Amino acid sequence: MISSFWYFPCAFQTMIKVDIYTNYIKLKDALKFCGQAESGAAAKQLIENGQIKVNGNVCLVPGKKLQDGDTFEIFDKAYRITHEN
């Protein structure tokens, strides 16, 4: 579930909170879940083209596991993963 906004003091005014109910979500799945990619293939292409940052660093690994507290950025949006019990 995507909800609420977090303050993020950098180029972005807000960070979008992404609630997950498992221990992790793969980066390519997070992009689909957030609506930034229409398919797994589209997500993989965005990642492999270097358009995604994870925790401030460009990530080229579609299967990167994102856990509670991890952040990712795409275009003009920033997201934070939160784990709900």
PDB file of N, CA and C in Angstrom:
ATOM      1  N   MET A   1       0.838  -1.165   0.000  1.00  0.00           N
ATOM      2  CA  MET A   1       0.000   0.000   0.000  1.00  0.00           C
ATOM      3  C   MET A   1       0.889   1.237   0.000  1.00  0.00           C
ATOM      4  N   ILE A   2       0.596   2.161  -0.850  1.00  0.00           N
ATOM      5  CA  ILE A   2       1.344   3.411  -0.904  1.00  0.00           C
ATOM      6  C   ILE A   2       0.534   4.449  -0.141  1.00  0.00           C
ATOM      7  N   SER A   3       1.176   5.084   0.807  1.00  0.00           N
ATOM      8  CA  SER A   3       0.450   6.066   1.594  1.00  0.00           C
ATOM      9  C   SER A   3       1.371   7.131   2.155  1.00  0.00           C
ATOM     10  N   SER A   4       0.807   8.182   2.609  1.00  0.00           N
ATOM     11  CA  SER A   4       1.438   9.318   3.276  1.00  0.00           C
ATOM     12  C   SER A   4       2.753   9.775   2.668  1.00  0.00           C
ATOM     13  N   PHE A   5       3.202  10.906   3.133  1.00  0.00           N
ATOM     14  CA  PHE A   5       4.433  11.486   2.627  1.00  0.00           C
ATOM     15  C   PHE A   5       5.409  11.721   3.767  1.00  0.00           C
ATOM     16  N   TRP A   6       6.678  11.588   3.479  1.00  0.00           N
ATOM     17  CA  TRP A   6       7.746  11.851   4.444  1.00  0.00           C
ATOM     18  C   TRP A   6       8.551  13.022   3.929  1.00  0.00           C
ATOM     19  N   TYR A   7       9.045  13.833   4.838  1.00  0.00           N
ATOM     20  CA  TYR A   7       9.939  14.915   4.446  1.00  0.00           C
ATOM     21  C   TYR A   7      11.295  14.333   4.102  1.00  0.00           C
ATOM     22  N   PHE A   8      11.869  14.747   3.002  1.00  0.00           N
ATOM     23  CA  PHE A   8      13.161  14.251   2.559  1.00  0.00           C
ATOM     24  C   PHE A   8      14.012  15.447   2.158  1.00  0.00           C
ATOM     25  N   PRO A   9      14.976  15.830   2.978  1.00  0.00           N
ATOM     26  CA  PRO A   9      15.720  17.083   2.747  1.00  0.00           C
ATOM     27  C   PRO A   9      16.802  16.982   1.674  1.00  0.00           C
ATOM     28  N   CYS A  10      16.402  16.877   0.431  1.00  0.00           N
ATOM     29  CA  CYS A  10      17.367  16.936  -0.680  1.00  0.00           C
ATOM     30  C   CYS A  10      16.627  17.511  -1.875  1.00  0.00           C
ATOM     31  N   ALA A  11      16.842  16.954  -3.039  1.00  0.00           N
ATOM     32  CA  ALA A  11      16.212  17.473  -4.244  1.00  0.00           C
ATOM     33  C   ALA A  11      14.703  17.268  -4.232  1.00  0.00           C
ATOM     34  N   PHE A  12      14.229  16.339  -3.429  1.00  0.00           N
ATOM     35  CA  PHE A  12      12.804  16.041  -3.376  1.00  0.00           C
ATOM     36  C   PHE A  12      12.180  16.703  -2.160  1.00  0.00           C
ATOM     37  N   GLN A  13      10.988  17.225  -2.292  1.00  0.00           N
ATOM     38  CA  GLN A  13      10.283  17.823  -1.168  1.00  0.00           C
ATOM     39  C   GLN A  13       9.698  16.751  -0.250  1.00  0.00           C
ATOM     40  N   THR A  14       9.226  15.659  -0.812  1.00  0.00           N
ATOM     41  CA  THR A  14       8.578  14.617  -0.024  1.00  0.00           C
ATOM     42  C   THR A  14       9.058  13.245  -0.461  1.00  0.00           C
ATOM     43  N   MET A  15       8.895  12.288   0.429  1.00  0.00           N
ATOM     44  CA  MET A  15       9.206  10.906   0.112  1.00  0.00           C
ATOM     45  C   MET A  15       7.924  10.106   0.278  1.00  0.00           C
ATOM     46  N   ILE A  16       7.598   9.300  -0.681  1.00  0.00           N
ATOM     47  CA  ILE A  16       6.377   8.509  -0.646  1.00  0.00           C
ATOM     48  C   ILE A  16       6.652   7.206   0.104  1.00  0.00           C
ATOM     49  N   LYS A  17       5.818   6.921   1.057  1.00  0.00           N
ATOM     50  CA  LYS A  17       5.957   5.726   1.889  1.00  0.00           C
ATOM     51  C   LYS A  17       5.332   4.535   1.176  1.00  0.00           C
ATOM     52  N   VAL A  18       6.090   3.435   1.087  1.00  0.00           N
ATOM     53  CA  VAL A  18       5.605   2.206   0.469  1.00  0.00           C
ATOM     54  C   VAL A  18       5.561   1.130   1.548  1.00  0.00           C
ATOM     55  N   ASP A  19       4.349   0.729   1.942  1.00  0.00           N
ATOM     56  CA  ASP A  19       4.188  -0.295   2.973  1.00  0.00           C
ATOM     57  C   ASP A  19       4.250  -1.676   2.349  1.00  0.00           C
ATOM     58  N   ILE A  20       5.122  -2.535   2.904  1.00  0.00           N
ATOM     59  CA  ILE A  20       5.175  -3.929   2.470  1.00  0.00           C
ATOM     60  C   ILE A  20       4.877  -4.813   3.677  1.00  0.00           C
ATOM     61  N   TYR A  21       4.386  -6.000   3.408  1.00  0.00           N
ATOM     62  CA  TYR A  21       4.000  -6.912   4.481  1.00  0.00           C
ATOM     63  C   TYR A  21       4.863  -8.166   4.494  1.00  0.00           C
ATOM     64  N   THR A  22       5.962  -8.117   3.765  1.00  0.00           N
ATOM     65  CA  THR A  22       6.961  -9.187   3.751  1.00  0.00           C
ATOM     66  C   THR A  22       8.278  -8.583   4.209  1.00  0.00           C
ATOM     67  N   ASN A  23       9.307  -9.393   4.355  1.00  0.00           N
ATOM     68  CA  ASN A  23      10.597  -8.871   4.824  1.00  0.00           C
ATOM     69  C   ASN A  23      11.304  -8.013   3.786  1.00  0.00           C
ATOM     70  N   TYR A  24      11.015  -8.239   2.520  1.00  0.00           N
ATOM     71  CA  TYR A  24      11.657  -7.467   1.452  1.00  0.00           C
ATOM     72  C   TYR A  24      10.778  -7.455   0.213  1.00  0.00           C
ATOM     73  N   ILE A  25      11.121  -6.554  -0.710  1.00  0.00           N
ATOM     74  CA  ILE A  25      10.515  -6.517  -2.035  1.00  0.00           C
ATOM     75  C   ILE A  25      11.647  -6.273  -3.025  1.00  0.00           C
ATOM     76  N   LYS A  26      11.623  -6.966  -4.146  1.00  0.00           N
ATOM     77  CA  LYS A  26      12.659  -6.753  -5.161  1.00  0.00           C
ATOM     78  C   LYS A  26      12.426  -5.401  -5.835  1.00  0.00           C
ATOM     79  N   LEU A  27      13.519  -4.767  -6.219  1.00  0.00           N
ATOM     80  CA  LEU A  27      13.455  -3.440  -6.821  1.00  0.00           C
ATOM     81  C   LEU A  27      12.509  -3.412  -8.015  1.00  0.00           C
ATOM     82  N   LYS A  28      12.616  -4.376  -8.910  1.00  0.00           N
ATOM     83  CA  LYS A  28      11.748  -4.369 -10.101  1.00  0.00           C
ATOM     84  C   LYS A  28      10.277  -4.486  -9.710  1.00  0.00           C
ATOM     85  N   ASP A  29       9.985  -5.245  -8.655  1.00  0.00           N
ATOM     86  CA  ASP A  29       8.610  -5.385  -8.188  1.00  0.00           C
ATOM     87  C   ASP A  29       8.131  -4.102  -7.512  1.00  0.00           C
ATOM     88  N   ALA A  30       9.027  -3.417  -6.812  1.00  0.00           N
ATOM     89  CA  ALA A  30       8.672  -2.153  -6.170  1.00  0.00           C
ATOM     90  C   ALA A  30       8.306  -1.102  -7.220  1.00  0.00           C
ATOM     91  N   LEU A  31       9.020  -1.093  -8.326  1.00  0.00           N
ATOM     92  CA  LEU A  31       8.712  -0.144  -9.399  1.00  0.00           C
ATOM     93  C   LEU A  31       7.338  -0.408  -9.993  1.00  0.00           C
ATOM     94  N   LYS A  32       7.002  -1.679 -10.169  1.00  0.00           N
ATOM     95  CA  LYS A  32       5.669  -2.030 -10.676  1.00  0.00           C
ATOM     96  C   LYS A  32       4.602  -1.665  -9.643  1.00  0.00           C
ATOM     97  N   PHE A  33       4.858  -1.992  -8.388  1.00  0.00           N
ATOM     98  CA  PHE A  33       3.912  -1.739  -7.304  1.00  0.00           C
ATOM     99  C   PHE A  33       3.584  -0.255  -7.177  1.00  0.00           C
ATOM    100  N   CYS A  34       4.584   0.586  -7.380  1.00  0.00           N
ATOM    101  CA  CYS A  34       4.403   2.038  -7.261  1.00  0.00           C
ATOM    102  C   CYS A  34       3.848   2.681  -8.524  1.00  0.00           C
ATOM    103  N   GLY A  35       3.709   1.899  -9.580  1.00  0.00           N
ATOM    104  CA  GLY A  35       3.173   2.429 -10.824  1.00  0.00           C
ATOM    105  C   GLY A  35       4.193   3.128 -11.695  1.00  0.00           C
ATOM    106  N   GLN A  36       5.474   2.971 -11.399  1.00  0.00           N
ATOM    107  CA  GLN A  36       6.519   3.606 -12.198  1.00  0.00           C
ATOM    108  C   GLN A  36       6.926   2.765 -13.405  1.00  0.00           C
ATOM    109  N   ALA A  37       6.516   1.498 -13.421  1.00  0.00           N
ATOM    110  CA  ALA A  37       6.783   0.616 -14.561  1.00  0.00           C
ATOM    111  C   ALA A  37       5.537  -0.221 -14.805  1.00  0.00           C
ATOM    112  N   GLU A  38       5.191  -0.402 -16.065  1.00  0.00           N
ATOM    113  CA  GLU A  38       3.984  -1.150 -16.409  1.00  0.00           C
ATOM    114  C   GLU A  38       4.190  -2.657 -16.377  1.00  0.00           C
ATOM    115  N   SER A  39       5.438  -3.091 -16.494  1.00  0.00           N
ATOM    116  CA  SER A  39       5.713  -4.527 -16.521  1.00  0.00           C
ATOM    117  C   SER A  39       7.093  -4.792 -15.934  1.00  0.00           C
ATOM    118  N   GLY A  40       7.371  -6.062 -15.709  1.00  0.00           N
ATOM    119  CA  GLY A  40       8.687  -6.442 -15.217  1.00  0.00           C
ATOM    120  C   GLY A  40       9.779  -6.092 -16.218  1.00  0.00           C
ATOM    121  N   ALA A  41       9.470  -6.264 -17.499  1.00  0.00           N
ATOM    122  CA  ALA A  41      10.454  -5.943 -18.539  1.00  0.00           C
ATOM    123  C   ALA A  41      10.755  -4.445 -18.567  1.00  0.00           C
ATOM    124  N   ALA A  42       9.714  -3.634 -18.410  1.00  0.00           N
ATOM    125  CA  ALA A  42       9.910  -2.178 -18.387  1.00  0.00           C
ATOM    126  C   ALA A  42      10.722  -1.771 -17.161  1.00  0.00           C
ATOM    127  N   ALA A  43      10.436  -2.395 -16.014  1.00  0.00           N
ATOM    128  CA  ALA A  43      11.189  -2.102 -14.785  1.00  0.00           C
ATOM    129  C   ALA A  43      12.650  -2.482 -14.957  1.00  0.00           C
ATOM    130  N   LYS A  44      12.893  -3.651 -15.526  1.00  0.00           N
ATOM    131  CA  LYS A  44      14.267  -4.128 -15.741  1.00  0.00           C
ATOM    132  C   LYS A  44      15.033  -3.165 -16.643  1.00  0.00           C
ATOM    133  N   GLN A  45      14.386  -2.675 -17.670  1.00  0.00           N
ATOM    134  CA  GLN A  45      15.043  -1.743 -18.593  1.00  0.00           C
ATOM    135  C   GLN A  45      15.406  -0.436 -17.880  1.00  0.00           C
ATOM    136  N   LEU A  46      14.495   0.099 -17.076  1.00  0.00           N
ATOM    137  CA  LEU A  46      14.784   1.326 -16.328  1.00  0.00           C
ATOM    138  C   LEU A  46      15.998   1.131 -15.423  1.00  0.00           C
ATOM    139  N   ILE A  47      16.028  -0.012 -14.738  1.00  0.00           N
ATOM    140  CA  ILE A  47      17.120  -0.306 -13.806  1.00  0.00           C
ATOM    141  C   ILE A  47      18.442  -0.469 -14.550  1.00  0.00           C
ATOM    142  N   GLU A  48      18.443  -1.277 -15.596  1.00  0.00           N
ATOM    143  CA  GLU A  48      19.684  -1.550 -16.324  1.00  0.00           C
ATOM    144  C   GLU A  48      20.200  -0.324 -17.079  1.00  0.00           C
ATOM    145  N   ASN A  49      19.341   0.659 -17.323  1.00  0.00           N
ATOM    146  CA  ASN A  49      19.762   1.910 -17.968  1.00  0.00           C
ATOM    147  C   ASN A  49      20.277   2.922 -16.949  1.00  0.00           C
ATOM    148  N   GLY A  50      20.317   2.538 -15.676  1.00  0.00           N
ATOM    149  CA  GLY A  50      20.872   3.409 -14.648  1.00  0.00           C
ATOM    150  C   GLY A  50      19.963   4.545 -14.217  1.00  0.00           C
ATOM    151  N   GLN A  51      18.654   4.390 -14.386  1.00  0.00           N
ATOM    152  CA  GLN A  51      17.721   5.457 -14.062  1.00  0.00           C
ATOM    153  C   GLN A  51      17.175   5.386 -12.636  1.00  0.00           C
ATOM    154  N   ILE A  52      17.605   4.397 -11.864  1.00  0.00           N
ATOM    155  CA  ILE A  52      17.094   4.215 -10.508  1.00  0.00           C
ATOM    156  C   ILE A  52      18.241   4.325  -9.509  1.00  0.00           C
ATOM    157  N   LYS A  53      17.995   5.045  -8.432  1.00  0.00           N
ATOM    158  CA  LYS A  53      18.946   5.102  -7.324  1.00  0.00           C
ATOM    159  C   LYS A  53      18.340   4.395  -6.125  1.00  0.00           C
ATOM    160  N   VAL A  54      19.149   3.576  -5.461  1.00  0.00           N
ATOM    161  CA  VAL A  54      18.741   2.912  -4.232  1.00  0.00           C
ATOM    162  C   VAL A  54      19.653   3.426  -3.125  1.00  0.00           C
ATOM    163  N   ASN A  55      19.067   3.964  -2.096  1.00  0.00           N
ATOM    164  CA  ASN A  55      19.818   4.542  -0.976  1.00  0.00           C
ATOM    165  C   ASN A  55      20.882   5.528  -1.457  1.00  0.00           C
ATOM    166  N   GLY A  56      20.528   6.308  -2.500  1.00  0.00           N
ATOM    167  CA  GLY A  56      21.404   7.354  -2.996  1.00  0.00           C
ATOM    168  C   GLY A  56      22.402   6.949  -4.059  1.00  0.00           C
ATOM    169  N   ASN A  57      22.478   5.638  -4.374  1.00  0.00           N
ATOM    170  CA  ASN A  57      23.435   5.148  -5.365  1.00  0.00           C
ATOM    171  C   ASN A  57      22.712   4.504  -6.536  1.00  0.00           C
ATOM    172  N   VAL A  58      23.234   4.709  -7.751  1.00  0.00           N
ATOM    173  CA  VAL A  58      22.645   4.061  -8.921  1.00  0.00           C
ATOM    174  C   VAL A  58      22.711   2.549  -8.729  1.00  0.00           C
ATOM    175  N   CYS A  59      21.596   1.892  -8.996  1.00  0.00           N
ATOM    176  CA  CYS A  59      21.521   0.435  -8.853  1.00  0.00           C
ATOM    177  C   CYS A  59      21.200  -0.169 -10.214  1.00  0.00           C
ATOM    178  N   LEU A  60      21.977  -1.165 -10.619  1.00  0.00           N
ATOM    179  CA  LEU A  60      21.785  -1.833 -11.905  1.00  0.00           C
ATOM    180  C   LEU A  60      21.287  -3.263 -11.745  1.00  0.00           C
ATOM    181  N   VAL A  61      20.826  -3.614 -10.552  1.00  0.00           N
ATOM    182  CA  VAL A  61      20.425  -4.987 -10.236  1.00  0.00           C
ATOM    183  C   VAL A  61      18.908  -5.054 -10.053  1.00  0.00           C
ATOM    184  N   PRO A  62      18.164  -5.616 -11.029  1.00  0.00           N
ATOM    185  CA  PRO A  62      16.702  -5.683 -10.921  1.00  0.00           C
ATOM    186  C   PRO A  62      16.215  -6.480  -9.703  1.00  0.00           C
ATOM    187  N   GLY A  63      16.978  -7.480  -9.288  1.00  0.00           N
ATOM    188  CA  GLY A  63      16.582  -8.311  -8.168  1.00  0.00           C
ATOM    189  C   GLY A  63      17.037  -7.811  -6.811  1.00  0.00           C
ATOM    190  N   LYS A  64      17.559  -6.585  -6.745  1.00  0.00           N
ATOM    191  CA  LYS A  64      18.009  -5.996  -5.481  1.00  0.00           C
ATOM    192  C   LYS A  64      16.870  -6.053  -4.469  1.00  0.00           C
ATOM    193  N   LYS A  65      17.154  -6.587  -3.286  1.00  0.00           N
ATOM    194  CA  LYS A  65      16.139  -6.697  -2.241  1.00  0.00           C
ATOM    195  C   LYS A  65      16.085  -5.409  -1.431  1.00  0.00           C
ATOM    196  N   LEU A  66      14.912  -4.804  -1.392  1.00  0.00           N
ATOM    197  CA  LEU A  66      14.690  -3.598  -0.602  1.00  0.00           C
ATOM    198  C   LEU A  66      13.991  -3.993   0.686  1.00  0.00           C
ATOM    199  N   GLN A  67      14.516  -3.495   1.789  1.00  0.00           N
ATOM    200  CA  GLN A  67      13.963  -3.822   3.099  1.00  0.00           C
ATOM    201  C   GLN A  67      13.527  -2.552   3.810  1.00  0.00           C
ATOM    202  N   ASP A  68      12.941  -2.725   4.980  1.00  0.00           N
ATOM    203  CA  ASP A  68      12.463  -1.602   5.774  1.00  0.00           C
ATOM    204  C   ASP A  68      13.546  -0.522   5.902  1.00  0.00           C
ATOM    205  N   GLY A  69      13.189   0.703   5.548  1.00  0.00           N
ATOM    206  CA  GLY A  69      14.122   1.826   5.649  1.00  0.00           C
ATOM    207  C   GLY A  69      14.867   2.143   4.369  1.00  0.00           C
ATOM    208  N   ASP A  70      14.907   1.222   3.413  1.00  0.00           N
ATOM    209  CA  ASP A  70      15.580   1.487   2.141  1.00  0.00           C
ATOM    210  C   ASP A  70      14.788   2.522   1.345  1.00  0.00           C
ATOM    211  N   THR A  71      15.507   3.281   0.523  1.00  0.00           N
ATOM    212  CA  THR A  71      14.868   4.281  -0.330  1.00  0.00           C
ATOM    213  C   THR A  71      15.239   4.020  -1.782  1.00  0.00           C
ATOM    214  N   PHE A  72      14.362   4.446  -2.678  1.00  0.00           N
ATOM    215  CA  PHE A  72      14.718   4.427  -4.098  1.00  0.00           C
ATOM    216  C   PHE A  72      14.123   5.647  -4.770  1.00  0.00           C
ATOM    217  N   GLU A  73      14.820   6.107  -5.803  1.00  0.00           N
ATOM    218  CA  GLU A  73      14.439   7.313  -6.525  1.00  0.00           C
ATOM    219  C   GLU A  73      14.308   6.991  -8.003  1.00  0.00           C
ATOM    220  N   ILE A  74      13.275   7.548  -8.604  1.00  0.00           N
ATOM    221  CA  ILE A  74      13.079   7.430 -10.042  1.00  0.00           C
ATOM    222  C   ILE A  74      12.470   8.727 -10.545  1.00  0.00           C
ATOM    223  N   PHE A  75      13.045   9.251 -11.607  1.00  0.00           N
ATOM    224  CA  PHE A  75      12.613  10.521 -12.180  1.00  0.00           C
ATOM    225  C   PHE A  75      12.542  11.575 -11.082  1.00  0.00           C
ATOM    226  N   ASP A  76      11.380  12.134 -10.820  1.00  0.00           N
ATOM    227  CA  ASP A  76      11.281  13.200  -9.824  1.00  0.00           C
ATOM    228  C   ASP A  76      10.607  12.734  -8.536  1.00  0.00           C
ATOM    229  N   LYS A  77      10.606  11.418  -8.275  1.00  0.00           N
ATOM    230  CA  LYS A  77       9.941  10.891  -7.085  1.00  0.00           C
ATOM    231  C   LYS A  77      10.893  10.043  -6.257  1.00  0.00           C
ATOM    232  N   ALA A  78      10.681  10.082  -4.946  1.00  0.00           N
ATOM    233  CA  ALA A  78      11.479   9.285  -4.016  1.00  0.00           C
ATOM    234  C   ALA A  78      10.530   8.470  -3.148  1.00  0.00           C
ATOM    235  N   TYR A  79      10.923   7.227  -2.885  1.00  0.00           N
ATOM    236  CA  TYR A  79      10.086   6.295  -2.123  1.00  0.00           C
ATOM    237  C   TYR A  79      10.892   5.710  -0.970  1.00  0.00           C
ATOM    238  N   ARG A  80      10.199   5.431   0.143  1.00  0.00           N
ATOM    239  CA  ARG A  80      10.819   4.758   1.291  1.00  0.00           C
ATOM    240  C   ARG A  80      10.016   3.496   1.586  1.00  0.00           C
ATOM    241  N   ILE A  81      10.735   2.378   1.712  1.00  0.00           N
ATOM    242  CA  ILE A  81      10.106   1.098   2.050  1.00  0.00           C
ATOM    243  C   ILE A  81       9.882   1.040   3.558  1.00  0.00           C
ATOM    244  N   THR A  82       8.673   0.662   3.948  1.00  0.00           N
ATOM    245  CA  THR A  82       8.380   0.442   5.366  1.00  0.00           C
ATOM    246  C   THR A  82       7.739  -0.929   5.509  1.00  0.00           C
ATOM    247  N   HIS A  83       8.151  -1.644   6.521  1.00  0.00           N
ATOM    248  CA  HIS A  83       7.623  -2.993   6.757  1.00  0.00           C
ATOM    249  C   HIS A  83       6.545  -2.926   7.826  1.00  0.00           C
ATOM    250  N   GLU A  84       5.353  -3.341   7.456  1.00  0.00           N
ATOM    251  CA  GLU A  84       4.235  -3.382   8.392  1.00  0.00           C
ATOM    252  C   GLU A  84       4.079  -4.806   8.900  1.00  0.00           C
ATOM    253  N   ASN A  85       3.905  -4.945  10.190  1.00  0.00           N
ATOM    254  CA  ASN A  85       3.701  -6.287  10.776  1.00  0.00           C
ATOM    255  C   ASN A  85       2.260  -6.700  10.701  1.00  0.00           C
TER     256      ASN A  85
END
